N, C-alpha and C. Protein backbone atom coordinates (compact mmCIF):
# COMPACT_ATOMS: atom_id res chain seq x y z
N MET A 1 -17.98 15.70 -37.06
CA MET A 1 -18.79 16.23 -37.21
C MET A 1 -18.99 17.73 -37.74
N MET A 2 -19.25 17.71 -38.75
CA MET A 2 -18.96 19.17 -39.43
C MET A 2 -20.22 20.19 -38.93
N SER A 3 -20.05 21.51 -38.99
CA SER A 3 -20.43 22.55 -38.79
C SER A 3 -20.52 23.66 -39.48
N ASP A 4 -21.07 25.32 -39.58
CA ASP A 4 -20.64 25.74 -40.34
C ASP A 4 -19.18 26.35 -39.70
N LYS A 5 -18.82 26.27 -38.51
CA LYS A 5 -17.93 27.15 -37.67
C LYS A 5 -16.78 26.09 -37.77
N GLY A 6 -16.64 24.67 -38.00
CA GLY A 6 -15.83 24.10 -37.99
C GLY A 6 -16.10 22.67 -38.00
N VAL A 7 -14.94 22.00 -37.88
CA VAL A 7 -14.72 20.57 -37.88
C VAL A 7 -14.32 20.03 -36.05
N LEU A 8 -14.96 19.35 -36.07
CA LEU A 8 -14.91 18.69 -34.09
C LEU A 8 -13.74 17.57 -34.49
N VAL A 9 -12.81 17.74 -33.67
CA VAL A 9 -11.72 16.64 -33.61
C VAL A 9 -11.50 16.83 -32.11
N ARG A 10 -10.87 15.44 -31.76
CA ARG A 10 -10.48 15.11 -30.22
C ARG A 10 -9.05 14.70 -30.40
N VAL A 11 -8.43 15.34 -29.07
CA VAL A 11 -7.20 15.55 -28.60
C VAL A 11 -7.03 13.97 -28.41
N GLY A 12 -5.88 13.22 -28.94
CA GLY A 12 -5.84 11.74 -28.94
C GLY A 12 -4.30 11.62 -28.03
N LYS A 13 -3.64 10.34 -27.81
CA LYS A 13 -2.69 10.10 -27.00
C LYS A 13 -1.37 11.10 -27.58
N ARG A 14 -0.90 11.53 -26.37
CA ARG A 14 0.34 12.02 -26.25
C ARG A 14 -0.23 13.60 -27.13
N ARG A 15 -1.21 14.33 -27.12
CA ARG A 15 -2.02 15.45 -27.11
C ARG A 15 -2.14 15.08 -28.94
N ALA A 16 -1.96 14.28 -29.62
CA ALA A 16 -2.21 14.42 -30.71
C ALA A 16 -3.65 14.73 -31.80
N LEU A 17 -3.41 15.66 -32.60
CA LEU A 17 -4.55 15.95 -33.49
C LEU A 17 -4.24 15.50 -34.63
N TYR A 18 -5.92 14.47 -35.14
CA TYR A 18 -5.69 14.08 -36.13
C TYR A 18 -6.37 15.15 -36.91
N ILE A 19 -6.20 15.22 -38.26
CA ILE A 19 -7.13 16.21 -39.73
C ILE A 19 -7.63 14.94 -40.25
N PRO A 20 -9.36 15.36 -39.98
CA PRO A 20 -9.80 14.78 -40.88
C PRO A 20 -9.76 14.76 -42.24
N SER A 21 -10.22 13.51 -42.98
CA SER A 21 -9.59 13.49 -44.47
C SER A 21 -10.60 14.09 -45.06
N LYS A 22 -11.70 14.83 -44.76
CA LYS A 22 -12.33 15.84 -45.89
C LYS A 22 -11.57 16.93 -45.77
N VAL A 23 -10.66 17.31 -44.58
CA VAL A 23 -10.42 18.74 -44.51
C VAL A 23 -9.17 18.30 -45.20
N ALA A 24 -8.07 17.11 -44.89
CA ALA A 24 -7.30 16.99 -45.43
C ALA A 24 -7.15 16.85 -46.89
N ARG A 25 -7.79 16.48 -47.59
CA ARG A 25 -8.01 16.72 -49.14
C ARG A 25 -8.32 18.05 -49.43
N GLU A 26 -9.46 18.85 -49.02
CA GLU A 26 -9.66 19.80 -49.36
C GLU A 26 -7.96 20.98 -49.45
N LEU A 27 -7.62 20.53 -48.04
CA LEU A 27 -6.40 21.20 -48.33
C LEU A 27 -4.94 20.70 -48.91
N ASP A 28 -5.04 19.67 -49.40
CA ASP A 28 -3.97 18.97 -49.76
C ASP A 28 -3.14 18.89 -49.19
N ILE A 29 -3.19 18.22 -48.13
CA ILE A 29 -2.25 17.82 -46.64
C ILE A 29 -1.91 16.27 -46.71
N ALA A 30 -0.71 15.88 -46.81
CA ALA A 30 -0.56 14.64 -46.85
C ALA A 30 0.42 13.95 -45.46
N GLU A 31 0.27 12.68 -45.31
CA GLU A 31 1.10 12.16 -43.98
C GLU A 31 2.49 12.95 -44.42
N GLY A 32 2.94 13.40 -43.79
CA GLY A 32 4.45 13.80 -43.08
C GLY A 32 4.50 15.14 -43.72
N ASP A 33 3.54 15.87 -44.09
CA ASP A 33 3.40 17.88 -44.57
C ASP A 33 3.59 18.35 -43.76
N LEU A 34 4.30 19.40 -43.71
CA LEU A 34 4.58 20.57 -42.19
C LEU A 34 3.06 21.38 -42.37
N LEU A 35 3.22 21.83 -41.20
CA LEU A 35 2.02 22.88 -40.93
C LEU A 35 2.76 23.85 -39.95
N ILE A 36 2.41 24.81 -40.19
CA ILE A 36 2.60 25.70 -38.87
C ILE A 36 1.43 26.14 -38.09
N LEU A 37 1.74 26.04 -36.53
CA LEU A 37 1.20 26.42 -35.40
C LEU A 37 1.21 26.93 -34.95
N ARG A 38 0.12 28.20 -34.54
CA ARG A 38 0.37 29.56 -33.44
C ARG A 38 -0.60 29.57 -32.96
N VAL A 39 -0.79 30.39 -31.70
CA VAL A 39 -1.72 30.63 -30.95
C VAL A 39 -2.10 32.24 -30.91
N GLU A 40 -3.05 32.56 -31.44
CA GLU A 40 -3.87 33.66 -31.51
C GLU A 40 -4.94 33.86 -30.80
N GLY A 41 -5.13 34.68 -29.80
CA GLY A 41 -6.34 35.00 -28.93
C GLY A 41 -6.59 34.29 -28.55
N GLY A 42 -5.90 33.00 -27.88
CA GLY A 42 -6.75 31.98 -27.26
C GLY A 42 -6.96 31.17 -28.28
N GLN A 43 -6.68 31.30 -29.56
CA GLN A 43 -7.44 30.03 -30.35
C GLN A 43 -6.11 29.61 -31.19
N ILE A 44 -6.00 28.09 -31.35
CA ILE A 44 -5.00 27.56 -32.28
C ILE A 44 -5.44 27.69 -33.73
N VAL A 45 -4.20 27.98 -34.24
CA VAL A 45 -4.62 28.39 -35.88
C VAL A 45 -3.31 27.40 -36.38
N LEU A 46 -3.85 26.30 -37.53
CA LEU A 46 -3.05 25.75 -37.95
C LEU A 46 -2.75 26.03 -39.53
N ARG A 47 -1.33 26.30 -39.98
CA ARG A 47 -1.29 26.91 -41.54
C ARG A 47 -0.48 25.59 -42.23
N PRO A 48 -0.74 25.31 -43.41
CA PRO A 48 -0.05 24.21 -44.14
C PRO A 48 1.23 25.09 -44.38
N ILE A 49 2.38 24.81 -45.18
CA ILE A 49 3.36 24.71 -45.50
C ILE A 49 3.25 24.12 -46.98
N GLN A 50 3.15 25.16 -48.25
CA GLN A 50 3.07 24.63 -49.36
C GLN A 50 4.52 23.77 -49.72
N ARG A 51 4.18 22.50 -50.21
CA ARG A 51 5.34 21.54 -50.32
C ARG A 51 6.48 22.32 -51.28
N LEU A 52 6.10 22.69 -52.16
CA LEU A 52 7.04 23.48 -53.12
C LEU A 52 8.22 24.37 -52.29
N LEU A 53 7.72 24.93 -51.08
CA LEU A 53 8.83 25.61 -50.28
C LEU A 53 9.60 24.95 -49.68
N VAL A 54 8.95 23.40 -49.19
CA VAL A 54 9.94 22.70 -48.58
C VAL A 54 10.51 22.18 -49.08
N GLU A 55 10.17 21.78 -50.27
CA GLU A 55 10.93 20.76 -51.34
C GLU A 55 11.96 21.18 -52.30
N ARG A 56 11.63 22.72 -52.36
CA ARG A 56 12.94 23.22 -53.55
C ARG A 56 14.29 22.81 -52.93
N GLU A 57 15.03 23.21 -54.29
CA GLU A 57 15.99 23.32 -54.17
C GLU A 57 16.77 24.49 -53.66
N LYS A 58 18.46 24.67 -52.96
CA LYS A 58 18.63 25.84 -52.19
C LYS A 58 19.26 26.73 -53.77
N TRP A 59 18.85 27.91 -53.24
CA TRP A 59 19.16 28.93 -54.37
C TRP A 59 20.52 29.76 -53.90
N ALA A 60 20.61 29.65 -52.71
CA ALA A 60 21.60 30.49 -52.02
C ALA A 60 22.70 29.41 -50.74
N GLU A 61 23.87 29.94 -51.04
CA GLU A 61 24.47 29.08 -49.45
C GLU A 61 25.13 30.32 -49.03
N THR A 62 25.38 29.96 -47.47
CA THR A 62 26.15 30.71 -46.85
C THR A 62 26.77 29.76 -45.38
N GLY A 63 28.18 30.04 -45.66
CA GLY A 63 28.69 29.76 -44.59
C GLY A 63 28.61 30.09 -43.17
N VAL A 64 29.02 29.43 -41.84
CA VAL A 64 28.88 29.48 -41.00
C VAL A 64 29.50 31.22 -40.61
N GLU A 65 31.04 31.21 -41.40
CA GLU A 65 31.56 32.34 -41.11
C GLU A 65 30.75 33.88 -41.79
N GLU A 66 29.89 33.42 -42.33
CA GLU A 66 29.57 34.90 -43.45
C GLU A 66 28.04 35.07 -42.35
N PHE A 67 27.84 33.78 -42.00
CA PHE A 67 26.39 33.83 -41.03
C PHE A 67 26.85 34.76 -39.79
N GLU A 68 27.89 34.24 -39.31
CA GLU A 68 27.91 34.83 -37.89
C GLU A 68 28.26 36.43 -37.67
N ALA A 69 28.67 36.72 -38.96
CA ALA A 69 29.09 38.27 -39.52
C ALA A 69 27.95 38.98 -39.75
N GLU A 70 27.01 38.44 -40.82
CA GLU A 70 25.72 39.01 -40.83
C GLU A 70 24.95 39.28 -39.53
N SER A 71 25.16 38.14 -38.76
CA SER A 71 24.40 37.86 -37.39
C SER A 71 24.66 39.25 -36.38
N GLU A 72 26.65 39.15 -36.20
CA GLU A 72 26.77 40.51 -35.50
C GLU A 72 26.49 41.63 -36.12
N GLU A 73 26.56 41.82 -37.50
CA GLU A 73 26.25 43.00 -37.92
C GLU A 73 24.73 43.64 -37.79
N PHE A 74 23.98 42.40 -37.96
CA PHE A 74 22.49 42.86 -37.36
C PHE A 74 22.09 43.09 -36.05
N SER A 75 22.80 42.59 -35.19
CA SER A 75 22.90 43.05 -33.50
C SER A 75 23.19 44.39 -33.53
N ARG A 76 24.56 44.67 -33.68
CA ARG A 76 24.53 46.09 -33.85
C ARG A 76 23.92 46.88 -34.27
N GLU A 77 23.07 46.81 -35.55
CA GLU A 77 22.25 47.49 -35.93
C GLU A 77 20.94 47.67 -35.08
N MET A 78 20.52 46.83 -34.72
CA MET A 78 19.50 46.79 -33.44
C MET A 78 19.54 47.29 -32.14
N GLU A 79 21.02 47.32 -31.82
CA GLU A 79 21.42 48.20 -30.64
C GLU A 79 21.27 49.48 -30.84
N GLY A 80 21.04 50.11 -32.03
CA GLY A 80 21.83 51.42 -32.53
C GLY A 80 22.94 51.74 -32.55
N GLY A 81 24.21 50.80 -32.90
CA GLY A 81 25.39 51.18 -33.03
C GLY A 81 25.77 50.55 -34.43
């Protein structure tokens, strides 16, 4: 059921939500796409992640040691030291 306030959806088995075809087409959402779900002011907000952001090739590489060093430095800065 469409209205000016949104689309009526039903919670399915295992609390699954299914995006109506009309909405999926409008937002170019396909099976397997990723969405971000947030709770804001007691409401559910879903935001699609653009496929380009998910499928793009790596442009940088960080090793474990470098990541740990950066993380420790960030922690020190956050603690004021």
